[in-house]
Amino acid sequence: MKTGVRRFAEEHKLLVGILLVSLLLRLVLLNAVPSYIFDESYYVPAAHSILANWTDPNPEHPPLVKLVLAGSIALGGDNPLTWRLPSVVAGLASIAFLYFIALLLSKEKRFATLCAAFLAFDPLHVLFSRAALLDIFMLAFALGGAYFILMRKWDWAGVFFGLGIASKWPALLPFLAVSAYLRMKKNIKARDAARVLIAAMAVYLLVSLPFILQNPSEWSLSQISSVEKMSTLPKMAQQSSTAVEWLYLQKPVWFLWSRINETMPPEVVWFAGLLGSTAALSLVAFGNPVFWIPGLLAVVWLALNRTKKMSDVRTFALLWFLCTYVPFLLLPRTNMFIYYMLLVLPAYALALSRFLTGKKYEKWYLVVLGVSVALLLPFVLGLPLPKFYFDALRPFLGDTITINFLV
C-alpha cells in the first residue's frame, strides 16, 4: 500500500521535480554573503532584539517574519544560514500553492506545472527566497490563503491571510482578488468573506499581541504611521520608480556589490580564484524580461480575449493583476518595484501559461526562457562573476547606479 507522500510524489511528479531543483537553487551558496543583505540589516537585528527583551525596533512592519527569524536563530544559532533558511521554505511553499491554485482553476497538470515553473525560476523570486526579507512570506501566505478560499475552507483561508498580513500589509490585496473572483462565480456569500476577514484580523492581532500588551499606545501609533507613510510622497531615492516603470523592469535594485574577500565561504573564494582578479560578487533584484514582458502582454491578451476556454483562469488572473498592481498606480508614494511586483508575478504566470498551453511555439519559448534563466541566475545566487560576463549582461540589469568593476 502506497504511503501518502509516495502517492503525492507520483501524482504530482513534475511539481516535485520543480521543488527539488528550486530547493537546490535556493540552498547553493546561501551563506556566500556573511553580512546582512539589503534590508536584512533591519529585520535580523529586530529578531535579536525580540530574543533579548521582546522589543521590536522596526515597528513600521508587522512582526511575524521577525518572530520567525528570532525562532530560527534561537534554534540554529546566529548565522546567515539560520537567517535565510525560513525564506527558502516560504519560497518553496509559494511555488506549491500557485501550482495547486492553477490546478484548481484549469484541471490541467501541464498548465499548473508551467505556472509553478515560471514563478520558481524568476530571478526576483529566487533572490527573495534566499534573503531574510518580508516579501516572500507575504507571497507564500497570500497564495496559501487564496488556495484555501478557493477550496471554501474559510477558517484556514483566514489563518493564512492573517499570517500574510502579519508579514506585510499588501497580503490583503490577493484576498480582495480571490473574493471578487468567487463573488463573480457566485461561490461565496458576504458572510463567508466576512468570516475569512475576521479570522485574518484575529490572527494579525494574535501575532502582534506581545507588542500590543507591552506598549499599546506605541503599537497603535506605529499602525497609524504605516498608513500615513503609504499615503505620502517622499523624496525620490536613486532606485525608486513609478508603478508604470515597474512593468518594464526599470531601476532594478542592487542588493550587493562586493570584492571577494577572506570572510566569504572557501568555495566562493576558490571559485573566484579560477576567474582571476576581475571577479566580483553581486546580488541584483530584477525580473527576467523573457518572462515579465510576455507575461504582461499575456495579461493584456487575456483582457481582450473573450473565449470561454479556461475562463476561470482568465477571470482569476485578471482580478489578481488588477488587485495587486493597480492600487500602486493610485498611491502618491513612489517605491522600489522589488517590494510589490513579487505579488504580481502569479498573474503573469497564469496569463502566460494560459496563452502558451497547447501552442506549437510553446517549446521554443521555453527553450529561450531556459537559456535566459541560466544566464541570469548567477546574479542572484551569489556566484562570483568575471568582468566580461557582467558587461555582456548589463543591459538586462539596468544602469540605475554607477558601478566601477572591482579589480
Protein backbone atom coordinates (compact mmCIF):
# COMPACT_ATOMS: atom_id res chain seq x y z
CA MET A 1 0.00 0.00 0.00
CA LYS A 2 1.42 3.35 -1.03
CA THR A 3 2.03 5.98 1.62
CA GLY A 4 0.50 9.43 1.29
CA VAL A 5 3.87 11.01 0.50
CA ARG A 6 4.68 8.44 -2.20
CA ARG A 7 1.23 8.77 -3.72
CA PHE A 8 1.56 12.56 -3.77
CA ALA A 9 5.02 12.35 -5.39
CA GLU A 10 3.74 10.06 -8.14
CA GLU A 11 0.62 12.11 -8.78
CA HIS A 12 2.48 15.43 -8.92
CA LYS A 13 5.94 14.30 -10.02
CA LEU A 14 6.59 17.37 -12.17
CA LEU A 15 5.86 19.65 -9.22
CA VAL A 16 8.16 17.57 -7.03
CA GLY A 17 10.89 17.93 -9.65
CA ILE A 18 10.45 21.70 -9.79
CA LEU A 19 10.55 21.91 -5.98
CA LEU A 20 13.74 19.84 -5.78
CA VAL A 21 15.53 21.97 -8.38
CA SER A 22 14.19 25.10 -6.68
CA LEU A 23 15.48 23.89 -3.32
CA LEU A 24 18.93 23.34 -4.79
CA LEU A 25 18.98 26.82 -6.34
CA ARG A 26 17.97 28.37 -3.03
CA LEU A 27 20.46 26.46 -0.90
CA VAL A 28 23.59 26.74 -3.07
CA LEU A 29 25.95 29.34 -1.58
CA LEU A 30 23.17 30.55 0.73
CA ASN A 31 25.90 31.82 3.06
CA ALA A 32 28.01 33.35 0.26
CA VAL A 33 27.43 36.77 1.84
CA PRO A 34 28.25 36.50 5.56
CA SER A 35 26.99 40.01 6.32
CA TYR A 36 23.49 41.46 6.05
CA ILE A 37 21.96 41.67 2.56
CA PHE A 38 19.95 44.84 1.91
CA ASP A 39 17.07 45.13 4.44
CA GLU A 40 18.30 42.17 6.44
CA SER A 41 20.07 44.94 8.34
CA TYR A 42 16.65 45.88 9.79
CA TYR A 43 14.98 42.52 10.28
CA VAL A 44 17.78 40.36 11.69
CA PRO A 45 18.68 42.95 14.38
CA ALA A 46 14.95 43.19 15.13
CA ALA A 47 14.94 39.42 15.66
CA HIS A 48 17.91 39.79 18.02
CA SER A 49 16.05 42.49 19.94
CA ILE A 50 12.96 40.27 20.24
CA LEU A 51 15.10 37.46 21.62
CA ALA A 52 16.78 39.82 24.08
CA ASN A 53 13.83 41.75 25.51
CA TRP A 54 10.74 41.31 23.30
CA THR A 55 11.04 44.75 21.74
CA ASP A 56 10.75 45.43 18.01
CA PRO A 57 12.93 48.34 16.82
CA ASN A 58 11.25 48.11 13.40
CA PRO A 59 7.53 48.56 14.27
CA GLU A 60 6.63 50.05 10.87
CA HIS A 61 6.28 46.49 9.55
CA PRO A 62 4.22 43.68 11.15
CA PRO A 63 6.16 41.35 13.46
CA LEU A 64 5.57 37.83 12.12
CA VAL A 65 8.70 37.42 9.97
CA LYS A 66 10.86 38.93 12.68
CA LEU A 67 9.39 36.41 15.13
CA VAL A 68 10.14 33.59 12.67
CA LEU A 69 13.73 34.80 12.32
CA ALA A 70 14.05 35.01 16.11
CA GLY A 71 12.87 31.41 16.40
CA SER A 72 15.26 30.24 13.69
CA ILE A 73 18.20 31.98 15.38
CA ALA A 74 17.22 30.54 18.76
CA LEU A 75 17.13 27.01 17.31
CA GLY A 76 20.09 27.08 14.91
CA GLY A 77 22.36 29.83 16.17
CA ASP A 78 23.09 33.30 14.84
CA ASN A 79 24.48 32.87 11.32
CA PRO A 80 23.49 33.62 7.71
CA LEU A 81 22.03 30.15 7.16
CA THR A 82 19.57 30.42 10.04
CA TRP A 83 18.59 33.94 8.97
CA ARG A 84 17.77 32.79 5.44
CA LEU A 85 16.50 29.20 5.69
CA PRO A 86 12.94 30.28 6.65
CA SER A 87 12.79 32.26 3.39
CA VAL A 88 13.79 29.13 1.46
CA VAL A 89 10.82 27.29 2.98
CA ALA A 90 8.45 30.18 2.22
CA GLY A 91 9.69 30.35 -1.37
CA LEU A 92 9.03 26.65 -1.95
CA ALA A 93 5.60 26.92 -0.31
CA SER A 94 4.62 29.77 -2.64
CA ILE A 95 5.55 27.65 -5.69
CA ALA A 96 3.47 24.73 -4.45
CA PHE A 97 0.45 26.91 -3.62
CA LEU A 98 0.49 28.51 -7.08
CA TYR A 99 0.63 25.05 -8.66
CA PHE A 100 -2.46 23.89 -6.78
CA ILE A 101 -4.32 27.14 -7.43
CA ALA A 102 -3.62 26.72 -11.16
CA LEU A 103 -4.72 23.08 -10.95
CA LEU A 104 -7.99 24.05 -9.28
CA LEU A 105 -8.68 26.67 -11.94
CA SER A 106 -7.72 24.63 -15.01
CA LYS A 107 -7.87 20.95 -14.02
CA GLU A 108 -4.71 20.54 -16.16
CA LYS A 109 -1.41 19.43 -14.61
CA ARG A 110 0.59 20.65 -17.59
CA PHE A 111 -0.82 24.14 -17.16
CA ALA A 112 -0.25 24.09 -13.39
CA THR A 113 3.32 22.87 -13.84
CA LEU A 114 4.08 25.69 -16.26
CA CYS A 115 2.73 28.25 -13.78
CA ALA A 116 4.86 26.84 -10.97
CA ALA A 117 7.98 26.82 -13.16
CA PHE A 118 7.54 30.46 -14.20
CA LEU A 119 7.43 31.54 -10.56
CA ALA A 120 10.13 29.15 -9.34
CA PHE A 121 12.82 30.29 -11.77
CA ASP A 122 12.23 34.03 -11.92
CA PRO A 123 15.31 35.83 -10.54
CA LEU A 124 13.27 38.08 -8.25
CA HIS A 125 11.56 35.10 -6.63
CA VAL A 126 14.84 33.20 -6.29
CA LEU A 127 16.55 36.17 -4.65
CA PHE A 128 13.75 36.80 -2.16
CA SER A 129 13.75 33.08 -1.32
CA ARG A 130 17.42 33.42 -0.34
CA ALA A 131 17.29 36.52 1.88
CA ALA A 132 15.81 37.24 5.30
CA LEU A 133 13.22 39.71 4.00
CA LEU A 134 9.46 40.04 4.49
CA ASP A 135 8.08 39.77 0.98
CA ILE A 136 8.48 36.07 0.25
CA PHE A 137 6.49 35.26 3.39
CA MET A 138 3.79 37.72 2.33
CA LEU A 139 3.56 35.98 -1.06
CA ALA A 140 3.55 32.44 0.36
CA PHE A 141 0.84 33.11 2.93
CA ALA A 142 -1.26 35.10 0.45
CA LEU A 143 -1.15 32.25 -2.07
CA GLY A 144 -1.97 29.82 0.74
CA GLY A 145 -4.97 31.94 1.69
CA ALA A 146 -6.07 32.08 -1.96
CA TYR A 147 -5.83 28.28 -2.24
CA PHE A 148 -7.90 27.62 0.87
CA ILE A 149 -10.56 30.18 -0.01
CA LEU A 150 -10.90 28.52 -3.45
CA MET A 151 -11.35 25.26 -1.55
CA ARG A 152 -14.04 27.02 0.52
CA LYS A 153 -12.15 26.32 3.71
CA TRP A 154 -12.92 29.70 5.20
CA ASP A 155 -11.15 29.33 8.55
CA TRP A 156 -7.89 28.09 7.02
CA ALA A 157 -8.11 30.88 4.45
CA GLY A 158 -8.47 33.38 7.27
CA VAL A 159 -5.46 31.94 9.10
CA PHE A 160 -3.23 32.15 6.03
CA PHE A 161 -4.35 35.63 5.00
CA GLY A 162 -3.86 36.72 8.61
CA LEU A 163 -0.31 35.35 8.59
CA GLY A 164 0.26 37.14 5.27
CA ILE A 165 -0.93 40.47 6.64
CA ALA A 166 1.17 39.86 9.77
CA SER A 167 4.14 39.55 7.40
CA LYS A 168 3.35 42.63 5.30
CA TRP A 169 0.10 44.50 4.78
CA PRO A 170 -0.22 44.17 0.96
CA ALA A 171 -1.10 40.49 1.51
CA LEU A 172 -4.63 41.85 1.89
CA LEU A 173 -4.74 42.63 -1.85
CA PRO A 174 -4.89 38.98 -3.01
CA PHE A 175 -7.79 38.47 -0.58
CA LEU A 176 -9.69 41.14 -2.50
CA ALA A 177 -8.83 39.42 -5.79
CA VAL A 178 -9.91 35.92 -4.83
CA SER A 179 -13.03 37.18 -3.01
CA ALA A 180 -14.07 39.12 -6.12
CA TYR A 181 -13.44 36.02 -8.23
CA LEU A 182 -15.66 33.81 -6.06
CA ARG A 183 -18.30 36.53 -5.91
CA MET A 184 -18.41 36.61 -9.71
CA LYS A 185 -18.72 32.81 -9.71
CA LYS A 186 -21.44 33.08 -7.03
CA ASN A 187 -19.42 30.69 -4.86
CA ILE A 188 -19.07 32.95 -1.84
CA LYS A 189 -21.54 34.81 0.33
CA ALA A 190 -20.90 38.04 2.16
CA ARG A 191 -20.86 36.24 5.49
CA ASP A 192 -18.20 33.80 4.20
CA ALA A 193 -15.92 36.64 3.09
CA ALA A 194 -16.53 38.37 6.41
CA ARG A 195 -15.62 35.15 8.23
CA VAL A 196 -12.32 34.97 6.38
CA LEU A 197 -11.55 38.62 7.06
CA ILE A 198 -12.45 38.39 10.76
CA ALA A 199 -10.25 35.32 11.15
CA ALA A 200 -7.41 37.11 9.35
CA MET A 201 -7.68 40.15 11.62
CA ALA A 202 -7.77 37.88 14.68
CA VAL A 203 -4.57 36.14 13.56
CA TYR A 204 -2.92 39.51 12.88
CA LEU A 205 -3.79 40.76 16.37
CA LEU A 206 -2.72 37.48 17.97
CA VAL A 207 0.70 37.66 16.31
CA SER A 208 1.02 41.30 17.43
CA LEU A 209 -0.29 40.63 20.95
CA PRO A 210 3.10 40.56 22.77
CA PHE A 211 3.90 44.03 21.41
CA ILE A 212 0.38 45.36 22.00
CA LEU A 213 0.49 44.30 25.66
CA GLN A 214 3.97 45.72 26.10
CA ASN A 215 3.11 49.22 24.88
CA PRO A 216 -0.44 49.66 23.49
CA SER A 217 -0.03 53.35 22.60
CA GLU A 218 3.26 52.83 20.75
CA TRP A 219 1.77 49.91 18.80
CA SER A 220 -1.27 51.98 17.82
CA LEU A 221 0.93 54.87 16.70
CA SER A 222 3.06 52.51 14.58
CA GLN A 223 -0.09 51.34 12.74
CA ILE A 224 -1.16 54.92 12.05
CA SER A 225 2.36 55.87 10.97
CA SER A 226 2.45 52.96 8.49
CA VAL A 227 -0.79 54.14 6.87
CA GLU A 228 0.48 57.72 6.67
CA LYS A 229 3.76 56.58 5.13
CA MET A 230 1.96 54.81 2.29
CA SER A 231 -0.10 57.92 1.52
CA THR A 232 2.69 60.49 1.47
CA LEU A 233 5.15 61.40 -1.26
CA PRO A 234 8.75 61.05 -0.05
CA LYS A 235 11.83 62.38 -1.74
CA MET A 236 12.73 60.26 -4.77
CA ALA A 237 15.51 57.80 -3.99
CA GLN A 238 18.02 56.82 -6.65
CA GLN A 239 16.44 53.39 -7.08
CA SER A 240 12.79 54.45 -6.69
CA SER A 241 10.50 54.14 -9.67
CA THR A 242 6.88 54.73 -10.55
CA ALA A 243 4.40 51.87 -10.77
CA VAL A 244 4.30 52.28 -14.56
CA GLU A 245 8.07 51.81 -14.75
CA TRP A 246 7.82 48.57 -12.78
CA LEU A 247 6.09 46.91 -15.70
CA TYR A 248 9.11 47.21 -17.97
CA LEU A 249 11.69 46.47 -15.27
CA GLN A 250 13.11 49.95 -14.79
CA LYS A 251 15.58 50.51 -11.97
CA PRO A 252 16.49 47.07 -10.64
CA VAL A 253 17.78 47.30 -7.08
CA TRP A 254 21.36 46.38 -6.29
CA PHE A 255 21.47 44.48 -3.01
CA LEU A 256 25.21 43.96 -3.05
CA TRP A 257 28.38 44.68 -5.00
CA SER A 258 31.47 43.33 -3.34
CA ARG A 259 35.07 42.31 -3.86
CA ILE A 260 35.72 38.68 -2.94
CA ASN A 261 37.36 38.56 0.50
CA GLU A 262 38.51 36.08 3.10
CA THR A 263 35.31 36.38 5.18
CA MET A 264 33.34 34.65 2.43
CA PRO A 265 32.98 30.85 2.35
CA PRO A 266 36.02 28.99 0.98
CA GLU A 267 34.10 27.72 -2.04
CA VAL A 268 33.29 31.30 -3.09
CA VAL A 269 36.92 32.38 -2.72
CA TRP A 270 38.08 29.26 -4.60
CA PHE A 271 35.69 29.82 -7.48
CA ALA A 272 36.64 33.49 -7.71
CA GLY A 273 40.29 32.46 -7.88
CA LEU A 274 39.56 30.49 -11.03
CA LEU A 275 38.16 33.62 -12.66
CA GLY A 276 41.11 35.86 -11.86
CA SER A 277 41.39 39.29 -10.27
CA THR A 278 38.41 40.76 -12.11
CA ALA A 279 35.86 38.55 -10.35
CA ALA A 280 33.31 40.19 -8.05
CA LEU A 281 30.10 39.16 -6.35
CA SER A 282 26.80 40.92 -6.98
CA LEU A 283 23.19 40.42 -5.94
CA VAL A 284 20.63 42.25 -8.05
CA ALA A 285 16.87 42.36 -7.52
CA PHE A 286 15.42 42.24 -11.03
CA GLY A 287 12.96 40.31 -13.14
CA ASN A 288 13.62 38.19 -16.20
CA PRO A 289 12.42 40.23 -19.20
CA VAL A 290 11.85 37.00 -21.15
CA PHE A 291 9.13 36.20 -18.57
CA TRP A 292 7.94 39.63 -17.39
CA ILE A 293 7.32 41.30 -20.76
CA PRO A 294 5.48 38.32 -22.33
CA GLY A 295 3.66 37.91 -19.02
CA LEU A 296 2.38 41.48 -19.16
CA LEU A 297 1.40 41.08 -22.82
CA ALA A 298 -0.43 37.85 -21.92
CA VAL A 299 -2.42 39.75 -19.26
CA VAL A 300 -3.43 42.28 -21.94
CA TRP A 301 -4.28 39.40 -24.30
CA LEU A 302 -6.50 37.84 -21.63
CA ALA A 303 -8.28 41.14 -21.10
CA LEU A 304 -9.07 41.39 -24.82
CA ASN A 305 -9.84 37.70 -25.40
CA ARG A 306 -13.37 36.65 -24.50
CA THR A 307 -13.07 32.95 -25.24
CA LYS A 308 -14.83 30.69 -22.76
CA LYS A 309 -11.98 28.16 -22.80
CA MET A 310 -10.35 28.21 -19.35
CA SER A 311 -12.47 31.24 -18.44
CA ASP A 312 -11.78 30.60 -14.74
CA VAL A 313 -8.07 31.15 -15.33
CA ARG A 314 -8.78 34.30 -17.33
CA THR A 315 -11.01 35.84 -14.66
CA PHE A 316 -8.76 34.89 -11.76
CA ALA A 317 -5.55 36.12 -13.43
CA LEU A 318 -7.06 39.47 -14.43
CA LEU A 319 -8.51 40.08 -10.97
CA TRP A 320 -5.20 39.12 -9.33
CA PHE A 321 -3.33 41.57 -11.58
CA LEU A 322 -5.83 44.39 -11.00
CA CYS A 323 -5.87 43.96 -7.23
CA THR A 324 -2.12 43.50 -6.69
CA TYR A 325 -0.86 46.12 -9.15
CA VAL A 326 -3.43 48.86 -9.83
CA PRO A 327 -3.59 50.13 -6.19
CA PHE A 328 0.02 51.24 -6.50
CA LEU A 329 -0.87 53.38 -9.51
CA LEU A 330 -3.23 55.28 -7.22
CA LEU A 331 -0.86 55.83 -4.31
CA PRO A 332 1.21 59.03 -4.36
CA ARG A 333 4.17 57.27 -2.80
CA THR A 334 6.99 56.21 -5.13
CA ASN A 335 8.58 52.88 -4.20
CA MET A 336 11.08 50.33 -5.39
CA PHE A 337 9.42 47.73 -7.59
CA ILE A 338 11.03 44.81 -5.76
CA TYR A 339 8.70 45.20 -2.81
CA TYR A 340 5.47 44.87 -4.77
CA MET A 341 5.99 43.18 -8.14
CA LEU A 342 6.69 39.87 -6.40
CA LEU A 343 2.99 39.80 -5.53
CA VAL A 344 2.03 40.42 -9.19
CA LEU A 345 4.06 37.52 -10.62
CA PRO A 346 1.32 34.87 -10.13
CA ALA A 347 -0.88 36.85 -12.55
CA TYR A 348 1.92 36.84 -15.13
CA ALA A 349 2.46 33.10 -14.65
CA LEU A 350 -1.24 32.28 -15.02
CA ALA A 351 -1.75 34.54 -18.04
CA LEU A 352 1.36 33.43 -19.92
CA SER A 353 0.69 29.75 -19.20
CA ARG A 354 -2.87 30.20 -20.48
CA PHE A 355 -1.53 31.82 -23.67
CA LEU A 356 1.15 29.18 -24.30
CA THR A 357 -0.58 25.94 -23.38
CA GLY A 358 -1.14 23.86 -26.49
CA LYS A 359 0.52 26.35 -28.86
CA LYS A 360 3.07 24.98 -31.33
CA TYR A 361 5.66 27.58 -30.31
CA GLU A 362 5.41 26.73 -26.59
CA LYS A 363 8.55 24.57 -26.65
CA TRP A 364 10.59 27.21 -28.49
CA TYR A 365 9.61 29.85 -25.97
CA LEU A 366 10.54 27.54 -23.08
CA VAL A 367 13.96 26.91 -24.64
CA VAL A 368 14.60 30.66 -24.87
CA LEU A 369 13.33 31.15 -21.32
CA GLY A 370 15.56 28.34 -20.05
CA VAL A 371 18.63 29.90 -21.64
CA SER A 372 17.79 33.30 -20.14
CA VAL A 373 17.31 31.74 -16.69
CA ALA A 374 20.69 30.00 -16.89
CA LEU A 375 22.40 33.26 -17.90
CA LEU A 376 20.72 35.48 -15.31
CA LEU A 377 20.61 33.31 -12.20
CA PRO A 378 24.29 33.90 -11.28
CA PHE A 379 23.31 37.48 -10.38
CA VAL A 380 21.02 36.21 -7.59
CA LEU A 381 22.89 33.09 -6.45
CA GLY A 382 25.97 34.79 -5.02
CA LEU A 383 28.29 33.41 -7.70
CA PRO A 384 31.47 35.41 -8.41
CA LEU A 385 31.29 36.91 -11.90
CA PRO A 386 34.10 37.95 -14.24
CA LYS A 387 34.04 41.39 -15.80
CA PHE A 388 33.24 40.20 -19.33
CA TYR A 389 30.16 38.30 -18.13
CA PHE A 390 28.89 41.26 -16.19
CA ASP A 391 29.45 43.63 -19.12
CA ALA A 392 27.69 41.29 -21.56
CA LEU A 393 24.52 41.05 -19.44
CA ARG A 394 24.49 44.58 -18.06
CA PRO A 395 21.70 45.65 -20.49
CA PHE A 396 19.37 43.19 -18.74
CA LEU A 397 20.20 44.62 -15.33
CA GLY A 398 19.79 48.35 -15.89
CA ASP A 399 22.07 51.31 -15.26
CA THR A 400 20.45 52.81 -12.19
CA ILE A 401 23.68 53.13 -10.24
CA THR A 402 27.29 53.66 -11.26
CA ILE A 403 29.46 50.60 -10.81
CA ASN A 404 33.20 50.60 -11.22
CA PHE A 405 34.15 46.97 -11.64
CA LEU A 406 36.48 45.89 -8.88
CA VAL A 407 39.99 44.90 -9.93
